[in-house]
Amino acid sequence: METPAGNQMIALLSIKPGYSDLRLTSELQTRNMEESLRRLGQLQPVIVHPSAEGEYNVIDGIKRYYAAHLLGWDSIDCRVLSVEASMAKVMIWHYNKKNNSLSVYEEGLIVHRIKTDHGLEQKQIAKLMGQSASWVCRRLSLIEKLESSVQDELKMGAISASHVREIVKLPRGNQDQFIRTIISEGLTSRQSKELADKFIGAKNKQESKYILEHAREVLESSNKGEMVNDNRLSVNGNRILKATELLILQQHILTGCLTNHQITKIEERELLILNPGLRKIIVQADNIRMIINKINDERRAI
């Protein structure tokens, strides 16, 4: 492999994913990167900095690093930056904020680690990162307000960073039970927001308990109560609008169930039962697509 000027090939065994706990990297993302490296080769260097132990820590390119291991590479093209550990953490944020690949939670992890590892105050961190003190405060608050069980589920991929934005609204002590409901029911972030709002607005503990134990019923009852109507449309137009809204809602529910990490626990015998219905959805989706396209084509022809 040809190495650009200023870069160097470094043995993978000499590189450590020392800051990998600051990133939310899924197995699917790593597999996609593996496929990209296999087809196209390494297009961008891995950014590393020397550690005190004489090895290297990854600043940027953690997926490339993991994918290279999967491919059995002995070494990888790197750009070495001689920076202190505190600045290395800032650079993780800097490299990834360009393409908005960091969630607010990941930003919070970085800020929190800079504070705890290096004993810096919020104003010092703000100056180091070129952000306001309130920006730093919000991200620290996000990490410090979340129960450890929530953070563990997020890191394992059971929930998304979008779910976390809703969970953090709840007081510590309620978050674990709430997250169990999200996971068991396969709720989307949108549904989680609605449920969190209802939970926060509950009048007493009995109502709060009911909301979590009957989450689907609560959400469906809420949506049934919403009258879908647009005065610009005819009666038939509003029927189509309502049917569309209901279909989108059910699509969100099904997508949540199918992408929830619990889907991996579905047994083969269950798939045999479920597959006919799932295949009907594919057929019906194609039918709806063809009907919509036909309507639009006919209107354009007029």
C-alpha atoms as a PDB file:
ATOM      1  CA  MET A   1       0.000   0.000   0.000  1.00  0.00           C
ATOM      2  CA  GLU A   2       1.376   3.382  -0.992  1.00  0.00           C
ATOM      3  CA  THR A   3       1.546   5.817   1.936  1.00  0.00           C
ATOM      4  CA  PRO A   4       1.067   9.578   1.385  1.00  0.00           C
ATOM      5  CA  ALA A   5       3.888  11.890   2.434  1.00  0.00           C
ATOM      6  CA  GLY A   6       3.762  12.606   6.164  1.00  0.00           C
ATOM      7  CA  ASN A   7       1.937   9.354   6.937  1.00  0.00           C
ATOM      8  CA  GLN A   8       3.410   6.073   8.064  1.00  0.00           C
ATOM      9  CA  MET A   9       2.409   2.443   8.205  1.00  0.00           C
ATOM     10  CA  ILE A  10       2.036   1.308  11.812  1.00  0.00           C
ATOM     11  CA  ALA A  11       1.553  -2.258  13.007  1.00  0.00           C
ATOM     12  CA  LEU A  12      -1.979  -2.831  14.265  1.00  0.00           C
ATOM     13  CA  LEU A  13      -0.605  -4.519  17.370  1.00  0.00           C
ATOM     14  CA  SER A  14       1.046  -1.214  18.312  1.00  0.00           C
ATOM     15  CA  ILE A  15      -2.254   0.693  18.135  1.00  0.00           C
ATOM     16  CA  LYS A  16      -4.802   0.714  20.951  1.00  0.00           C
ATOM     17  CA  PRO A  17      -8.469   1.862  20.816  1.00  0.00           C
ATOM     18  CA  GLY A  18      -7.884   3.847  23.992  1.00  0.00           C
ATOM     19  CA  TYR A  19     -10.800   6.223  23.465  1.00  0.00           C
ATOM     20  CA  SER A  20     -13.277   3.791  21.932  1.00  0.00           C
ATOM     21  CA  ASP A  21     -15.577   4.170  24.940  1.00  0.00           C
ATOM     22  CA  LEU A  22     -16.199   7.764  23.825  1.00  0.00           C
ATOM     23  CA  ARG A  23     -17.799   6.612  20.564  1.00  0.00           C
ATOM     24  CA  LEU A  24     -20.970   4.683  19.800  1.00  0.00           C
ATOM     25  CA  THR A  25     -19.789   2.297  17.101  1.00  0.00           C
ATOM     26  CA  SER A  26     -22.131  -0.482  15.996  1.00  0.00           C
ATOM     27  CA  GLU A  27     -21.179  -3.837  14.539  1.00  0.00           C
ATOM     28  CA  LEU A  28     -23.038  -2.908  11.342  1.00  0.00           C
ATOM     29  CA  GLN A  29     -20.948   0.251  10.903  1.00  0.00           C
ATOM     30  CA  THR A  30     -17.762  -1.754  11.361  1.00  0.00           C
ATOM     31  CA  ARG A  31     -18.911  -4.379   8.855  1.00  0.00           C
ATOM     32  CA  ASN A  32     -19.745  -1.664   6.325  1.00  0.00           C
ATOM     33  CA  MET A  33     -16.276  -0.193   6.807  1.00  0.00           C
ATOM     34  CA  GLU A  34     -14.771  -3.660   6.389  1.00  0.00           C
ATOM     35  CA  GLU A  35     -16.537  -4.001   3.040  1.00  0.00           C
ATOM     36  CA  SER A  36     -15.357  -0.537   1.978  1.00  0.00           C
ATOM     37  CA  LEU A  37     -11.723  -1.324   2.848  1.00  0.00           C
ATOM     38  CA  ARG A  38     -11.956  -4.622   1.013  1.00  0.00           C
ATOM     39  CA  ARG A  39     -13.314  -3.025  -2.170  1.00  0.00           C
ATOM     40  CA  LEU A  40     -11.579   0.360  -2.235  1.00  0.00           C
ATOM     41  CA  GLY A  41      -8.648   0.060   0.119  1.00  0.00           C
ATOM     42  CA  GLN A  42      -7.852   2.634   2.801  1.00  0.00           C
ATOM     43  CA  LEU A  43      -8.749   6.101   1.529  1.00  0.00           C
ATOM     44  CA  GLN A  44      -8.105   8.073   4.725  1.00  0.00           C
ATOM     45  CA  PRO A  45      -5.399   7.590   7.368  1.00  0.00           C
ATOM     46  CA  VAL A  46      -6.172   6.686  10.946  1.00  0.00           C
ATOM     47  CA  ILE A  47      -5.243   9.619  13.211  1.00  0.00           C
ATOM     48  CA  VAL A  48      -3.233   8.479  16.241  1.00  0.00           C
ATOM     49  CA  HIS A  49      -1.070   9.954  18.973  1.00  0.00           C
ATOM     50  CA  PRO A  50       1.777   8.322  20.927  1.00  0.00           C
ATOM     51  CA  SER A  51       0.916   7.014  24.392  1.00  0.00           C
ATOM     52  CA  ALA A  52       3.166   7.035  27.454  1.00  0.00           C
ATOM     53  CA  GLU A  53       3.642   3.272  27.022  1.00  0.00           C
ATOM     54  CA  GLY A  54       5.265   3.725  23.607  1.00  0.00           C
ATOM     55  CA  GLU A  55       2.178   2.623  21.685  1.00  0.00           C
ATOM     56  CA  TYR A  56      -0.453   4.653  19.839  1.00  0.00           C
ATOM     57  CA  ASN A  57      -4.047   5.608  20.656  1.00  0.00           C
ATOM     58  CA  VAL A  58      -6.671   6.177  17.965  1.00  0.00           C
ATOM     59  CA  ILE A  59      -7.987   9.741  17.776  1.00  0.00           C
ATOM     60  CA  ASP A  60      -9.974   9.379  14.555  1.00  0.00           C
ATOM     61  CA  GLY A  61     -10.717   6.322  12.430  1.00  0.00           C
ATOM     62  CA  ILE A  62     -11.834   3.808  15.042  1.00  0.00           C
ATOM     63  CA  LYS A  63     -14.063   1.979  12.518  1.00  0.00           C
ATOM     64  CA  ARG A  64     -11.144   1.723  10.079  1.00  0.00           C
ATOM     65  CA  TYR A  65      -9.017   0.331  12.904  1.00  0.00           C
ATOM     66  CA  TYR A  66     -11.576  -2.353  13.846  1.00  0.00           C
ATOM     67  CA  ALA A  67     -12.285  -3.209  10.195  1.00  0.00           C
ATOM     68  CA  ALA A  68      -8.573  -3.650   9.495  1.00  0.00           C
ATOM     69  CA  HIS A  69      -8.454  -6.203  12.317  1.00  0.00           C
ATOM     70  CA  LEU A  70     -11.391  -8.076  10.772  1.00  0.00           C
ATOM     71  CA  LEU A  71      -9.575  -8.146   7.436  1.00  0.00           C
ATOM     72  CA  GLY A  72      -6.449  -9.521   9.075  1.00  0.00           C
ATOM     73  CA  TRP A  73      -4.200  -6.605   8.124  1.00  0.00           C
ATOM     74  CA  ASP A  74      -0.824  -6.407   9.836  1.00  0.00           C
ATOM     75  CA  SER A  75      -0.527  -2.620   9.596  1.00  0.00           C
ATOM     76  CA  ILE A  76      -2.514   0.453   8.654  1.00  0.00           C
ATOM     77  CA  ASP A  77      -1.787   3.890   7.202  1.00  0.00           C
ATOM     78  CA  CYS A  78      -1.650   6.449  10.042  1.00  0.00           C
ATOM     79  CA  ARG A  79      -1.017  10.091  10.657  1.00  0.00           C
ATOM     80  CA  VAL A  80       0.763  10.614  13.959  1.00  0.00           C
ATOM     81  CA  LEU A  81       0.013  13.744  16.008  1.00  0.00           C
ATOM     82  CA  SER A  82       2.140  14.485  19.051  1.00  0.00           C
ATOM     83  CA  VAL A  83      -0.490  15.931  21.385  1.00  0.00           C
ATOM     84  CA  GLU A  84      -1.313  15.577  25.067  1.00  0.00           C
ATOM     85  CA  ALA A  85      -4.118  13.247  26.135  1.00  0.00           C
ATOM     86  CA  SER A  86      -6.491  16.137  26.936  1.00  0.00           C
ATOM     87  CA  MET A  87      -6.034  17.629  23.471  1.00  0.00           C
ATOM     88  CA  ALA A  88      -6.422  14.179  21.895  1.00  0.00           C
ATOM     89  CA  LYS A  89      -9.937  13.993  23.365  1.00  0.00           C
ATOM     90  CA  VAL A  90     -10.718  17.469  22.030  1.00  0.00           C
ATOM     91  CA  MET A  91      -9.516  16.365  18.598  1.00  0.00           C
ATOM     92  CA  ILE A  92     -11.887  13.366  18.631  1.00  0.00           C
ATOM     93  CA  TRP A  93     -14.685  15.909  18.874  1.00  0.00           C
ATOM     94  CA  HIS A  94     -13.049  18.248  16.331  1.00  0.00           C
ATOM     95  CA  TYR A  95     -12.546  15.610  13.617  1.00  0.00           C
ATOM     96  CA  ASN A  96     -16.087  14.273  13.909  1.00  0.00           C
ATOM     97  CA  LYS A  97     -18.042  17.505  14.288  1.00  0.00           C
ATOM     98  CA  LYS A  98     -17.212  18.403  10.681  1.00  0.00           C
ATOM     99  CA  ASN A  99     -19.590  15.742   9.345  1.00  0.00           C
ATOM    100  CA  ASN A 100     -21.978  15.776  12.313  1.00  0.00           C
ATOM    101  CA  SER A 101     -21.159  12.149  13.114  1.00  0.00           C
ATOM    102  CA  LEU A 102     -21.166  12.717  16.885  1.00  0.00           C
ATOM    103  CA  SER A 103     -24.356  12.537  18.905  1.00  0.00           C
ATOM    104  CA  VAL A 104     -24.907  14.959  21.771  1.00  0.00           C
ATOM    105  CA  TYR A 105     -24.356  12.000  24.092  1.00  0.00           C
ATOM    106  CA  GLU A 106     -20.920  11.317  22.589  1.00  0.00           C
ATOM    107  CA  GLU A 107     -20.044  14.990  22.949  1.00  0.00           C
ATOM    108  CA  GLY A 108     -21.085  14.694  26.577  1.00  0.00           C
ATOM    109  CA  LEU A 109     -18.828  11.676  27.074  1.00  0.00           C
ATOM    110  CA  ILE A 110     -15.852  13.561  25.664  1.00  0.00           C
ATOM    111  CA  VAL A 111     -16.467  16.641  27.796  1.00  0.00           C
ATOM    112  CA  HIS A 112     -17.030  14.513  30.907  1.00  0.00           C
ATOM    113  CA  ARG A 113     -13.803  12.563  30.355  1.00  0.00           C
ATOM    114  CA  ILE A 114     -11.805  15.768  29.896  1.00  0.00           C
ATOM    115  CA  LYS A 115     -13.220  17.012  33.190  1.00  0.00           C
ATOM    116  CA  THR A 116     -12.646  13.814  35.177  1.00  0.00           C
ATOM    117  CA  ASP A 117      -9.335  12.702  33.633  1.00  0.00           C
ATOM    118  CA  HIS A 118      -7.634  16.080  33.668  1.00  0.00           C
ATOM    119  CA  GLY A 119      -9.395  17.964  36.461  1.00  0.00           C
ATOM    120  CA  LEU A 120     -10.411  20.885  34.279  1.00  0.00           C
ATOM    121  CA  GLU A 121     -13.220  23.269  35.153  1.00  0.00           C
ATOM    122  CA  GLN A 122     -16.062  24.062  32.776  1.00  0.00           C
ATOM    123  CA  LYS A 123     -14.601  27.407  31.693  1.00  0.00           C
ATOM    124  CA  GLN A 124     -11.249  25.756  30.924  1.00  0.00           C
ATOM    125  CA  ILE A 125     -12.944  23.037  28.878  1.00  0.00           C
ATOM    126  CA  ALA A 126     -14.992  25.656  27.024  1.00  0.00           C
ATOM    127  CA  LYS A 127     -11.838  27.563  26.099  1.00  0.00           C
ATOM    128  CA  LEU A 128     -10.066  24.361  25.058  1.00  0.00           C
ATOM    129  CA  MET A 129     -12.947  23.346  22.766  1.00  0.00           C
ATOM    130  CA  GLY A 130     -13.826  26.825  21.538  1.00  0.00           C
ATOM    131  CA  GLN A 131     -17.362  26.555  22.876  1.00  0.00           C
ATOM    132  CA  SER A 132     -19.425  28.459  25.423  1.00  0.00           C
ATOM    133  CA  ALA A 133     -19.536  27.504  29.097  1.00  0.00           C
ATOM    134  CA  SER A 134     -23.267  26.779  28.752  1.00  0.00           C
ATOM    135  CA  TRP A 135     -22.522  24.349  25.878  1.00  0.00           C
ATOM    136  CA  VAL A 136     -20.114  22.480  28.145  1.00  0.00           C
ATOM    137  CA  CYS A 137     -22.564  22.599  31.066  1.00  0.00           C
ATOM    138  CA  ARG A 138     -25.399  21.071  29.017  1.00  0.00           C
ATOM    139  CA  ARG A 139     -23.260  18.162  27.883  1.00  0.00           C
ATOM    140  CA  LEU A 140     -21.910  17.480  31.361  1.00  0.00           C
ATOM    141  CA  SER A 141     -25.448  17.592  32.689  1.00  0.00           C
ATOM    142  CA  LEU A 142     -26.566  15.028  30.112  1.00  0.00           C
ATOM    143  CA  ILE A 143     -23.999  12.491  31.331  1.00  0.00           C
ATOM    144  CA  GLU A 144     -24.384  13.236  35.024  1.00  0.00           C
ATOM    145  CA  LYS A 145     -28.192  13.012  34.913  1.00  0.00           C
ATOM    146  CA  LEU A 146     -28.293   9.639  33.156  1.00  0.00           C
ATOM    147  CA  GLU A 147     -28.371   6.435  35.185  1.00  0.00           C
ATOM    148  CA  SER A 148     -25.547   4.027  34.395  1.00  0.00           C
ATOM    149  CA  SER A 149     -28.024   1.388  33.187  1.00  0.00           C
ATOM    150  CA  VAL A 150     -29.263   3.786  30.490  1.00  0.00           C
ATOM    151  CA  GLN A 151     -25.733   4.499  29.329  1.00  0.00           C
ATOM    152  CA  ASP A 152     -24.952   0.771  29.231  1.00  0.00           C
ATOM    153  CA  GLU A 153     -27.972   0.043  27.022  1.00  0.00           C
ATOM    154  CA  LEU A 154     -27.018   2.910  24.714  1.00  0.00           C
ATOM    155  CA  LYS A 155     -23.460   1.618  24.327  1.00  0.00           C
ATOM    156  CA  MET A 156     -24.782  -1.884  23.564  1.00  0.00           C
ATOM    157  CA  GLY A 157     -27.071  -0.465  20.880  1.00  0.00           C
ATOM    158  CA  ALA A 158     -30.352  -1.379  22.587  1.00  0.00           C
ATOM    159  CA  ILE A 159     -31.470   2.265  22.350  1.00  0.00           C
ATOM    160  CA  SER A 160     -30.357   5.256  20.313  1.00  0.00           C
ATOM    161  CA  ALA A 161     -29.038   8.688  21.250  1.00  0.00           C
ATOM    162  CA  SER A 162     -32.463  10.030  20.225  1.00  0.00           C
ATOM    163  CA  HIS A 163     -34.055   7.892  22.940  1.00  0.00           C
ATOM    164  CA  VAL A 164     -31.604   9.322  25.457  1.00  0.00           C
ATOM    165  CA  ARG A 165     -32.784  12.868  24.750  1.00  0.00           C
ATOM    166  CA  GLU A 166     -36.181  11.833  26.107  1.00  0.00           C
ATOM    167  CA  ILE A 167     -34.972   9.642  28.976  1.00  0.00           C
ATOM    168  CA  VAL A 168     -32.796  12.405  30.424  1.00  0.00           C
ATOM    169  CA  LYS A 169     -35.972  14.423  31.077  1.00  0.00           C
ATOM    170  CA  LEU A 170     -36.925  11.896  33.735  1.00  0.00           C
ATOM    171  CA  PRO A 171     -35.517  11.949  37.277  1.00  0.00           C
ATOM    172  CA  ARG A 172     -32.949   9.342  38.257  1.00  0.00           C
ATOM    173  CA  GLY A 173     -34.828   6.442  39.762  1.00  0.00           C
ATOM    174  CA  ASN A 174     -37.436   6.356  36.996  1.00  0.00           C
ATOM    175  CA  GLN A 175     -35.072   6.049  34.052  1.00  0.00           C
ATOM    176  CA  ASP A 176     -34.271   2.352  34.386  1.00  0.00           C
ATOM    177  CA  GLN A 177     -37.916   1.285  34.402  1.00  0.00           C
ATOM    178  CA  PHE A 178     -38.673   3.649  31.521  1.00  0.00           C
ATOM    179  CA  ILE A 179     -35.861   2.233  29.420  1.00  0.00           C
ATOM    180  CA  ARG A 180     -37.072  -1.320  30.072  1.00  0.00           C
ATOM    181  CA  THR A 181     -40.417  -0.268  28.606  1.00  0.00           C
ATOM    182  CA  ILE A 182     -38.758   1.276  25.539  1.00  0.00           C
ATOM    183  CA  ILE A 183     -36.764  -1.892  24.880  1.00  0.00           C
ATOM    184  CA  SER A 184     -39.494  -4.445  25.591  1.00  0.00           C
ATOM    185  CA  GLU A 185     -42.066  -2.565  23.499  1.00  0.00           C
ATOM    186  CA  GLY A 186     -39.616  -1.579  20.740  1.00  0.00           C
ATOM    187  CA  LEU A 187     -40.610   2.089  20.910  1.00  0.00           C
ATOM    188  CA  THR A 188     -39.222   4.609  18.446  1.00  0.00           C
ATOM    189  CA  SER A 189     -37.682   7.864  19.697  1.00  0.00           C
ATOM    190  CA  ARG A 190     -40.872   9.675  18.670  1.00  0.00           C
ATOM    191  CA  GLN A 191     -43.028   7.299  20.691  1.00  0.00           C
ATOM    192  CA  SER A 192     -40.580   7.546  23.596  1.00  0.00           C
ATOM    193  CA  LYS A 193     -40.961  11.322  23.581  1.00  0.00           C
ATOM    194  CA  GLU A 194     -44.739  11.041  23.715  1.00  0.00           C
ATOM    195  CA  LEU A 195     -44.585   8.471  26.502  1.00  0.00           C
ATOM    196  CA  ALA A 196     -42.056  10.519  28.477  1.00  0.00           C
ATOM    197  CA  ASP A 197     -44.268  13.602  28.239  1.00  0.00           C
ATOM    198  CA  LYS A 198     -47.241  11.612  29.526  1.00  0.00           C
ATOM    199  CA  PHE A 199     -45.150  10.079  32.301  1.00  0.00           C
ATOM    200  CA  ILE A 200     -43.905  13.498  33.442  1.00  0.00           C
ATOM    201  CA  GLY A 201     -47.471  14.811  33.358  1.00  0.00           C
ATOM    202  CA  ALA A 202     -48.890  11.912  35.407  1.00  0.00           C
ATOM    203  CA  LYS A 203     -50.928  13.035  38.417  1.00  0.00           C
ATOM    204  CA  ASN A 204     -49.716  10.318  40.798  1.00  0.00           C
ATOM    205  CA  LYS A 205     -47.596   7.178  41.117  1.00  0.00           C
ATOM    206  CA  GLN A 206     -50.504   4.939  40.129  1.00  0.00           C
ATOM    207  CA  GLU A 207     -50.921   6.785  36.840  1.00  0.00           C
ATOM    208  CA  SER A 208     -47.154   6.708  36.209  1.00  0.00           C
ATOM    209  CA  LYS A 209     -47.121   2.971  36.800  1.00  0.00           C
ATOM    210  CA  TYR A 210     -50.065   2.440  34.454  1.00  0.00           C
ATOM    211  CA  ILE A 211     -48.372   4.446  31.679  1.00  0.00           C
ATOM    212  CA  LEU A 212     -45.262   2.243  31.780  1.00  0.00           C
ATOM    213  CA  GLU A 213     -47.123  -1.049  32.149  1.00  0.00           C
ATOM    214  CA  HIS A 214     -49.558  -0.251  29.316  1.00  0.00           C
ATOM    215  CA  ALA A 215     -47.340   1.820  27.029  1.00  0.00           C
ATOM    216  CA  ARG A 216     -48.796   0.623  23.704  1.00  0.00           C
ATOM    217  CA  GLU A 217     -52.349   1.110  24.913  1.00  0.00           C
ATOM    218  CA  VAL A 218     -51.553   4.624  26.140  1.00  0.00           C
ATOM    219  CA  LEU A 219     -49.881   5.601  22.855  1.00  0.00           C
ATOM    220  CA  GLU A 220     -52.603   4.129  20.664  1.00  0.00           C
ATOM    221  CA  SER A 221     -55.383   5.732  22.732  1.00  0.00           C
ATOM    222  CA  SER A 222     -53.623   9.055  22.433  1.00  0.00           C
ATOM    223  CA  ASN A 223     -53.353   8.815  18.661  1.00  0.00           C
ATOM    224  CA  LYS A 224     -56.953   7.703  18.266  1.00  0.00           C
ATOM    225  CA  GLY A 225     -58.004  10.856  20.061  1.00  0.00           C
ATOM    226  CA  GLU A 226     -56.293  13.071  17.512  1.00  0.00           C
ATOM    227  CA  MET A 227     -58.672  14.137  14.746  1.00  0.00           C
ATOM    228  CA  VAL A 228     -56.847  14.235  11.438  1.00  0.00           C
ATOM    229  CA  ASN A 229     -58.512  16.886   9.316  1.00  0.00           C
ATOM    230  CA  ASP A 230     -57.426  19.464   6.772  1.00  0.00           C
ATOM    231  CA  ASN A 231     -60.093  21.979   5.717  1.00  0.00           C
ATOM    232  CA  ARG A 232     -58.400  22.350   2.342  1.00  0.00           C
ATOM    233  CA  LEU A 233     -59.367  18.741   1.531  1.00  0.00           C
ATOM    234  CA  SER A 234     -62.632  17.100   0.533  1.00  0.00           C
ATOM    235  CA  VAL A 235     -64.196  14.310   2.601  1.00  0.00           C
ATOM    236  CA  ASN A 236     -62.424  11.723   0.456  1.00  0.00           C
ATOM    237  CA  GLY A 237     -59.170  13.697   0.653  1.00  0.00           C
ATOM    238  CA  ASN A 238     -59.352  13.690   4.446  1.00  0.00           C
ATOM    239  CA  ARG A 239     -60.027   9.932   4.460  1.00  0.00           C
ATOM    240  CA  ILE A 240     -56.808   9.435   2.492  1.00  0.00           C
ATOM    241  CA  LEU A 241     -54.969  11.798   4.845  1.00  0.00           C
ATOM    242  CA  LYS A 242     -56.187   9.918   7.924  1.00  0.00           C
ATOM    243  CA  ALA A 243     -55.326   6.528   6.407  1.00  0.00           C
ATOM    244  CA  THR A 244     -51.868   7.848   5.510  1.00  0.00           C
ATOM    245  CA  GLU A 245     -51.243   9.099   9.060  1.00  0.00           C
ATOM    246  CA  LEU A 246     -52.376   5.778  10.554  1.00  0.00           C
ATOM    247  CA  LEU A 247     -50.190   3.820   8.135  1.00  0.00           C
ATOM    248  CA  ILE A 248     -47.152   5.970   8.958  1.00  0.00           C
ATOM    249  CA  LEU A 249     -47.790   5.465  12.689  1.00  0.00           C
ATOM    250  CA  GLN A 250     -48.000   1.692  12.319  1.00  0.00           C
ATOM    251  CA  GLN A 251     -44.921   1.740  10.089  1.00  0.00           C
ATOM    252  CA  HIS A 252     -42.991   3.500  12.878  1.00  0.00           C
ATOM    253  CA  ILE A 253     -44.163   0.863  15.362  1.00  0.00           C
ATOM    254  CA  LEU A 254     -43.201  -2.032  13.093  1.00  0.00           C
ATOM    255  CA  THR A 255     -39.827  -0.487  12.242  1.00  0.00           C
ATOM    256  CA  GLY A 256     -39.109  -0.104  15.948  1.00  0.00           C
ATOM    257  CA  CYS A 257     -39.968  -3.754  16.583  1.00  0.00           C
ATOM    258  CA  LEU A 258     -37.873  -5.012  13.658  1.00  0.00           C
ATOM    259  CA  THR A 259     -34.801  -2.890  14.457  1.00  0.00           C
ATOM    260  CA  ASN A 260     -34.918  -3.405  18.227  1.00  0.00           C
ATOM    261  CA  HIS A 261     -32.000  -5.527  19.507  1.00  0.00           C
ATOM    262  CA  GLN A 262     -34.561  -8.064  20.826  1.00  0.00           C
ATOM    263  CA  ILE A 263     -35.189  -9.147  17.214  1.00  0.00           C
ATOM    264  CA  THR A 264     -31.963 -11.173  17.403  1.00  0.00           C
ATOM    265  CA  LYS A 265     -33.634 -13.333  20.063  1.00  0.00           C
ATOM    266  CA  ILE A 266     -36.513 -14.320  17.759  1.00  0.00           C
ATOM    267  CA  GLU A 267     -36.406 -18.103  17.267  1.00  0.00           C
ATOM    268  CA  GLU A 268     -36.530 -19.846  13.895  1.00  0.00           C
ATOM    269  CA  ARG A 269     -39.999 -21.268  14.595  1.00  0.00           C
ATOM    270  CA  GLU A 270     -41.262 -17.735  15.279  1.00  0.00           C
ATOM    271  CA  LEU A 271     -39.837 -16.471  11.980  1.00  0.00           C
ATOM    272  CA  LEU A 272     -41.717 -19.229  10.150  1.00  0.00           C
ATOM    273  CA  ILE A 273     -44.930 -17.871  11.636  1.00  0.00           C
ATOM    274  CA  LEU A 274     -44.106 -14.189  11.087  1.00  0.00           C
ATOM    275  CA  ASN A 275     -42.584 -14.316   7.600  1.00  0.00           C
ATOM    276  CA  PRO A 276     -45.836 -14.765   5.608  1.00  0.00           C
ATOM    277  CA  GLY A 277     -47.242 -11.578   7.138  1.00  0.00           C
ATOM    278  CA  LEU A 278     -43.998  -9.679   6.643  1.00  0.00           C
ATOM    279  CA  ARG A 279     -43.878 -10.731   2.992  1.00  0.00           C
ATOM    280  CA  LYS A 280     -47.463  -9.508   2.503  1.00  0.00           C
ATOM    281  CA  ILE A 281     -46.302  -6.095   3.727  1.00  0.00           C
ATOM    282  CA  ILE A 282     -43.653  -6.028   0.981  1.00  0.00           C
ATOM    283  CA  VAL A 283     -46.275  -6.901  -1.650  1.00  0.00           C
ATOM    284  CA  GLN A 284     -48.747  -4.314  -0.350  1.00  0.00           C
ATOM    285  CA  ALA A 285     -46.021  -1.651  -0.194  1.00  0.00           C
ATOM    286  CA  ASP A 286     -45.242  -2.311  -3.876  1.00  0.00           C
ATOM    287  CA  ASN A 287     -48.958  -2.092  -4.724  1.00  0.00           C
ATOM    288  CA  ILE A 288     -49.303   1.247  -2.921  1.00  0.00           C
ATOM    289  CA  ARG A 289     -46.186   2.566  -4.667  1.00  0.00           C
ATOM    290  CA  MET A 290     -47.540   1.590  -8.101  1.00  0.00           C
ATOM    291  CA  ILE A 291     -50.964   3.153  -7.374  1.00  0.00           C
ATOM    292  CA  ILE A 292     -49.408   6.431  -6.182  1.00  0.00           C
ATOM    293  CA  ASN A 293     -47.077   6.565  -9.186  1.00  0.00           C
ATOM    294  CA  LYS A 294     -49.998   5.854 -11.550  1.00  0.00           C
ATOM    295  CA  ILE A 295     -52.091   8.666 -10.022  1.00  0.00           C
ATOM    296  CA  ASN A 296     -49.207  11.143 -10.308  1.00  0.00           C
ATOM    297  CA  ASP A 297     -48.388  10.057 -13.876  1.00  0.00           C
ATOM    298  CA  GLU A 298     -52.025  10.473 -14.932  1.00  0.00           C
ATOM    299  CA  ARG A 299     -52.206  13.937 -13.366  1.00  0.00           C
ATOM    300  CA  ARG A 300     -49.027  15.027 -15.157  1.00  0.00           C
ATOM    301  CA  ALA A 301     -50.452  13.787 -18.457  1.00  0.00           C
ATOM    302  CA  ILE A 302     -53.519  16.030 -18.158  1.00  0.00           C
END
